[in-house]
Amino acid sequence: MNEQIFVTTSTSLEGYRVTKQLGLVRGITVRSRSILGNLAGGFMTIFGGKSAIYTQLCEQTREDALQLMIKHGRDLGANAIINMRYDANEVMSGLTEVLAYGTAVVVEKES
């Protein structure tokens, strides 16, 4: 199913009205960097500046969590997710979980 699903951090979707609330949806993923990636990232912290290695890891992890949340919403029959948020926690040293969550809803275009 490749239908568009709207995702917003707002509590509403401009131009649409919520016709059905389906409940909480979430996507969670846990990631770690390889030992070589950690070494390279560690060297980058010595010199300062932007850490491309960790930026890429964080971005990919957030995207994975987002896509899992969208799949959860689609499985419930949603065509939109409102009030979307991210949360991240360190599970253990070098291992981080990222959670994407929101409220799955069905919306219709306002006339």
N, C-alpha and C. Protein backbone atom coordinates (compact mmCIF):
# COMPACT_ATOMS: atom_id res chain seq x y z
N MET A 1 0.85 -1.17 0.00
CA MET A 1 0.00 0.00 0.00
C MET A 1 0.89 1.23 0.00
N ASN A 2 0.87 1.98 -1.07
CA ASN A 2 1.72 3.15 -1.21
C ASN A 2 0.96 4.46 -1.08
N GLU A 3 -0.23 4.42 -0.50
CA GLU A 3 -0.98 5.65 -0.30
C GLU A 3 -0.21 6.59 0.59
N GLN A 4 -0.38 7.89 0.32
CA GLN A 4 0.28 8.90 1.14
C GLN A 4 -0.31 8.87 2.54
N ILE A 5 0.55 8.99 3.52
CA ILE A 5 0.12 9.13 4.91
C ILE A 5 0.73 10.43 5.41
N PHE A 6 -0.11 11.28 5.96
CA PHE A 6 0.35 12.55 6.49
C PHE A 6 0.93 12.34 7.88
N VAL A 7 2.04 12.98 8.17
CA VAL A 7 2.64 12.94 9.50
C VAL A 7 2.93 14.37 9.91
N THR A 8 2.45 14.74 11.09
CA THR A 8 2.67 16.10 11.56
C THR A 8 2.92 16.11 13.07
N THR A 9 3.71 17.08 13.51
CA THR A 9 3.94 17.25 14.94
C THR A 9 2.83 18.07 15.57
N SER A 10 1.95 18.61 14.76
CA SER A 10 0.82 19.40 15.24
C SER A 10 -0.30 18.48 15.74
N THR A 11 -1.22 19.05 16.50
CA THR A 11 -2.36 18.26 16.99
C THR A 11 -3.51 18.25 15.98
N SER A 12 -3.32 18.92 14.86
CA SER A 12 -4.32 18.90 13.80
C SER A 12 -3.61 18.98 12.46
N LEU A 13 -4.37 18.78 11.40
CA LEU A 13 -3.81 18.82 10.05
C LEU A 13 -4.62 19.86 9.27
N GLU A 14 -3.99 20.97 8.97
CA GLU A 14 -4.70 22.08 8.32
C GLU A 14 -5.35 21.63 7.01
N GLY A 15 -6.62 21.99 6.86
CA GLY A 15 -7.36 21.64 5.64
C GLY A 15 -8.04 20.29 5.71
N TYR A 16 -7.85 19.59 6.83
CA TYR A 16 -8.44 18.28 7.02
C TYR A 16 -9.13 18.22 8.38
N ARG A 17 -10.12 17.34 8.49
CA ARG A 17 -10.72 17.13 9.80
C ARG A 17 -10.59 15.66 10.17
N VAL A 18 -10.36 15.42 11.43
CA VAL A 18 -10.23 14.06 11.94
C VAL A 18 -11.61 13.44 12.03
N THR A 19 -11.80 12.30 11.39
CA THR A 19 -13.09 11.61 11.44
C THR A 19 -13.05 10.39 12.35
N LYS A 20 -11.84 9.92 12.61
CA LYS A 20 -11.71 8.74 13.46
C LYS A 20 -10.33 8.73 14.10
N GLN A 21 -10.29 8.49 15.39
CA GLN A 21 -9.01 8.36 16.10
C GLN A 21 -8.76 6.88 16.34
N LEU A 22 -7.60 6.40 15.92
CA LEU A 22 -7.29 4.97 16.00
C LEU A 22 -6.35 4.61 17.14
N GLY A 23 -5.76 5.61 17.77
CA GLY A 23 -4.91 5.35 18.94
C GLY A 23 -3.43 5.57 18.68
N LEU A 24 -2.68 5.21 19.68
CA LEU A 24 -1.23 5.39 19.68
C LEU A 24 -0.56 4.46 18.68
N VAL A 25 0.38 5.01 17.92
CA VAL A 25 1.23 4.19 17.05
C VAL A 25 2.67 4.51 17.39
N ARG A 26 3.55 3.54 17.18
CA ARG A 26 4.95 3.76 17.51
C ARG A 26 5.84 2.91 16.61
N GLY A 27 7.05 3.35 16.52
CA GLY A 27 8.10 2.61 15.84
C GLY A 27 9.34 2.75 16.69
N ILE A 28 9.98 1.65 16.98
CA ILE A 28 11.17 1.69 17.84
C ILE A 28 12.30 0.93 17.16
N THR A 29 13.48 1.47 17.28
CA THR A 29 14.66 0.79 16.76
C THR A 29 15.82 1.03 17.72
N VAL A 30 16.72 0.08 17.77
CA VAL A 30 17.89 0.17 18.63
C VAL A 30 19.12 0.03 17.74
N ARG A 31 20.07 0.92 17.90
CA ARG A 31 21.26 0.93 17.05
C ARG A 31 22.53 1.07 17.85
N SER A 32 23.60 0.58 17.26
CA SER A 32 24.93 0.84 17.79
C SER A 32 25.87 1.02 16.60
N ARG A 33 26.94 1.70 16.82
CA ARG A 33 27.96 1.89 15.80
C ARG A 33 28.98 0.76 15.96
N SER A 34 29.57 0.32 14.86
CA SER A 34 30.60 -0.72 14.93
C SER A 34 31.82 -0.17 15.67
N ILE A 35 32.69 -1.05 16.08
CA ILE A 35 33.90 -0.63 16.80
C ILE A 35 34.75 0.30 15.93
N LEU A 36 34.83 0.03 14.62
CA LEU A 36 35.59 0.91 13.73
C LEU A 36 34.92 2.28 13.63
N GLY A 37 33.59 2.28 13.56
CA GLY A 37 32.87 3.55 13.52
C GLY A 37 33.06 4.34 14.80
N ASN A 38 33.08 3.65 15.95
CA ASN A 38 33.31 4.32 17.23
C ASN A 38 34.71 4.91 17.31
N LEU A 39 35.70 4.17 16.77
CA LEU A 39 37.07 4.69 16.76
C LEU A 39 37.17 5.95 15.90
N ALA A 40 36.57 5.89 14.70
CA ALA A 40 36.60 7.05 13.81
C ALA A 40 35.85 8.22 14.44
N GLY A 41 34.70 7.94 15.05
CA GLY A 41 33.94 8.99 15.71
C GLY A 41 34.69 9.57 16.89
N GLY A 42 35.42 8.71 17.61
CA GLY A 42 36.22 9.16 18.75
C GLY A 42 37.33 10.10 18.31
N PHE A 43 37.98 9.78 17.20
CA PHE A 43 39.03 10.66 16.67
C PHE A 43 38.44 12.01 16.28
N MET A 44 37.24 12.01 15.72
CA MET A 44 36.60 13.26 15.30
C MET A 44 36.31 14.15 16.51
N THR A 45 35.98 13.55 17.66
CA THR A 45 35.68 14.37 18.84
C THR A 45 36.93 15.05 19.39
N ILE A 46 38.09 14.48 19.14
CA ILE A 46 39.34 15.09 19.59
C ILE A 46 39.56 16.43 18.90
N PHE A 47 39.25 16.48 17.60
CA PHE A 47 39.49 17.68 16.81
C PHE A 47 38.29 18.63 16.79
N GLY A 48 37.15 18.17 17.26
CA GLY A 48 35.95 19.01 17.30
C GLY A 48 35.27 19.09 15.95
N GLY A 49 34.19 19.83 15.90
CA GLY A 49 33.45 20.01 14.65
C GLY A 49 32.35 18.98 14.50
N LYS A 50 31.74 18.99 13.33
CA LYS A 50 30.62 18.11 13.01
C LYS A 50 31.11 16.67 12.85
N SER A 51 30.38 15.75 13.46
CA SER A 51 30.71 14.34 13.36
C SER A 51 29.79 13.68 12.34
N ALA A 52 30.25 13.59 11.11
CA ALA A 52 29.44 13.04 10.03
C ALA A 52 29.05 11.59 10.29
N ILE A 53 29.93 10.83 10.92
CA ILE A 53 29.66 9.42 11.21
C ILE A 53 28.46 9.28 12.13
N TYR A 54 28.44 10.04 13.22
CA TYR A 54 27.34 9.95 14.17
C TYR A 54 26.08 10.63 13.65
N THR A 55 26.24 11.69 12.87
CA THR A 55 25.08 12.35 12.27
C THR A 55 24.35 11.38 11.36
N GLN A 56 25.08 10.66 10.53
CA GLN A 56 24.49 9.67 9.62
C GLN A 56 23.79 8.56 10.40
N LEU A 57 24.42 8.08 11.46
CA LEU A 57 23.83 7.02 12.28
C LEU A 57 22.53 7.50 12.91
N CYS A 58 22.54 8.71 13.47
CA CYS A 58 21.33 9.25 14.12
C CYS A 58 20.22 9.46 13.10
N GLU A 59 20.55 10.01 11.96
CA GLU A 59 19.53 10.26 10.93
C GLU A 59 18.91 8.96 10.44
N GLN A 60 19.72 7.95 10.20
CA GLN A 60 19.21 6.67 9.72
C GLN A 60 18.35 6.00 10.79
N THR A 61 18.75 6.11 12.05
CA THR A 61 17.99 5.52 13.14
C THR A 61 16.63 6.19 13.28
N ARG A 62 16.60 7.51 13.20
CA ARG A 62 15.31 8.23 13.27
C ARG A 62 14.41 7.86 12.10
N GLU A 63 14.99 7.76 10.91
CA GLU A 63 14.21 7.40 9.73
C GLU A 63 13.62 5.99 9.87
N ASP A 64 14.41 5.05 10.39
CA ASP A 64 13.91 3.69 10.60
C ASP A 64 12.74 3.69 11.57
N ALA A 65 12.87 4.41 12.68
CA ALA A 65 11.79 4.48 13.67
C ALA A 65 10.55 5.13 13.06
N LEU A 66 10.74 6.19 12.27
CA LEU A 66 9.62 6.86 11.61
C LEU A 66 8.88 5.91 10.68
N GLN A 67 9.62 5.18 9.85
CA GLN A 67 9.00 4.26 8.90
C GLN A 67 8.24 3.14 9.62
N LEU A 68 8.79 2.65 10.73
CA LEU A 68 8.09 1.63 11.51
C LEU A 68 6.78 2.18 12.09
N MET A 69 6.81 3.44 12.56
CA MET A 69 5.61 4.07 13.09
C MET A 69 4.56 4.22 11.98
N ILE A 70 4.98 4.66 10.80
CA ILE A 70 4.06 4.82 9.68
C ILE A 70 3.44 3.47 9.31
N LYS A 71 4.24 2.42 9.29
CA LYS A 71 3.71 1.08 9.00
C LYS A 71 2.67 0.69 10.04
N HIS A 72 2.94 0.95 11.30
CA HIS A 72 1.99 0.64 12.37
C HIS A 72 0.68 1.39 12.12
N GLY A 73 0.79 2.67 11.74
CA GLY A 73 -0.41 3.46 11.44
C GLY A 73 -1.19 2.91 10.27
N ARG A 74 -0.50 2.56 9.21
CA ARG A 74 -1.17 1.96 8.03
C ARG A 74 -1.86 0.66 8.40
N ASP A 75 -1.20 -0.15 9.22
CA ASP A 75 -1.79 -1.43 9.63
C ASP A 75 -3.11 -1.22 10.38
N LEU A 76 -3.24 -0.08 11.07
CA LEU A 76 -4.48 0.23 11.79
C LEU A 76 -5.52 0.89 10.89
N GLY A 77 -5.12 1.27 9.66
CA GLY A 77 -6.05 1.91 8.74
C GLY A 77 -5.97 3.42 8.73
N ALA A 78 -4.93 4.00 9.30
CA ALA A 78 -4.77 5.45 9.36
C ALA A 78 -4.32 6.01 8.02
N ASN A 79 -4.72 7.25 7.76
CA ASN A 79 -4.16 7.97 6.61
C ASN A 79 -3.40 9.21 7.09
N ALA A 80 -3.29 9.34 8.43
CA ALA A 80 -2.51 10.44 9.00
C ALA A 80 -2.07 10.07 10.41
N ILE A 81 -0.97 10.68 10.83
CA ILE A 81 -0.48 10.55 12.21
C ILE A 81 -0.24 11.97 12.69
N ILE A 82 -0.92 12.31 13.79
CA ILE A 82 -0.79 13.66 14.34
C ILE A 82 -0.03 13.60 15.66
N ASN A 83 0.44 14.76 16.08
CA ASN A 83 1.16 14.89 17.36
C ASN A 83 2.36 13.94 17.43
N MET A 84 3.07 13.80 16.32
CA MET A 84 4.22 12.90 16.23
C MET A 84 5.40 13.46 17.02
N ARG A 85 6.10 12.58 17.71
CA ARG A 85 7.28 12.94 18.51
C ARG A 85 8.35 11.86 18.37
N TYR A 86 9.58 12.25 18.72
CA TYR A 86 10.69 11.31 18.85
C TYR A 86 11.13 11.29 20.30
N ASP A 87 11.66 10.16 20.72
CA ASP A 87 12.29 10.04 22.03
C ASP A 87 13.50 9.13 21.84
N ALA A 88 14.54 9.37 22.59
CA ALA A 88 15.75 8.54 22.50
C ALA A 88 16.30 8.30 23.89
N ASN A 89 16.77 7.10 24.12
CA ASN A 89 17.36 6.73 25.40
C ASN A 89 18.54 5.81 25.17
N GLU A 90 19.52 5.94 26.02
CA GLU A 90 20.65 5.03 25.96
C GLU A 90 20.28 3.77 26.74
N VAL A 91 20.28 2.63 26.05
CA VAL A 91 19.94 1.36 26.67
C VAL A 91 21.12 0.87 27.50
N MET A 92 22.29 0.99 26.92
CA MET A 92 23.56 0.71 27.60
C MET A 92 24.63 1.48 26.84
N SER A 93 25.81 1.51 27.34
CA SER A 93 26.87 2.29 26.70
C SER A 93 27.02 1.88 25.23
N GLY A 94 26.86 2.84 24.34
CA GLY A 94 27.02 2.58 22.91
C GLY A 94 25.80 2.01 22.22
N LEU A 95 24.69 1.86 22.95
CA LEU A 95 23.47 1.28 22.39
C LEU A 95 22.30 2.20 22.70
N THR A 96 21.71 2.77 21.66
CA THR A 96 20.65 3.76 21.83
C THR A 96 19.37 3.30 21.15
N GLU A 97 18.26 3.53 21.84
CA GLU A 97 16.96 3.26 21.24
C GLU A 97 16.33 4.57 20.83
N VAL A 98 15.66 4.57 19.69
CA VAL A 98 14.92 5.73 19.22
C VAL A 98 13.48 5.30 19.01
N LEU A 99 12.57 6.08 19.56
CA LEU A 99 11.15 5.81 19.48
C LEU A 99 10.48 6.95 18.73
N ALA A 100 9.70 6.63 17.72
CA ALA A 100 8.85 7.61 17.05
C ALA A 100 7.42 7.23 17.43
N TYR A 101 6.63 8.21 17.86
CA TYR A 101 5.25 7.89 18.26
C TYR A 101 4.31 9.04 17.95
N GLY A 102 3.05 8.72 17.85
CA GLY A 102 2.03 9.72 17.56
C GLY A 102 0.66 9.09 17.66
N THR A 103 -0.34 9.85 17.23
CA THR A 103 -1.73 9.38 17.25
C THR A 103 -2.18 9.10 15.83
N ALA A 104 -2.58 7.87 15.57
CA ALA A 104 -3.08 7.47 14.25
C ALA A 104 -4.52 7.92 14.12
N VAL A 105 -4.82 8.55 12.98
CA VAL A 105 -6.16 9.05 12.73
C VAL A 105 -6.54 8.83 11.27
N VAL A 106 -7.83 8.94 11.03
CA VAL A 106 -8.36 8.99 9.68
C VAL A 106 -8.82 10.43 9.48
N VAL A 107 -8.38 11.05 8.40
CA VAL A 107 -8.77 12.42 8.11
C VAL A 107 -9.46 12.50 6.76
N GLU A 108 -10.31 13.53 6.63
CA GLU A 108 -10.97 13.83 5.36
C GLU A 108 -10.72 15.29 5.03
N LYS A 109 -10.54 15.57 3.75
CA LYS A 109 -10.34 16.96 3.31
C LYS A 109 -11.60 17.76 3.62
N GLU A 110 -11.37 18.95 4.20
CA GLU A 110 -12.51 19.83 4.48
C GLU A 110 -13.04 20.41 3.19
N SER A 111 -14.35 20.61 3.15
CA SER A 111 -14.93 21.19 1.92
C SER A 111 -15.06 22.69 2.03
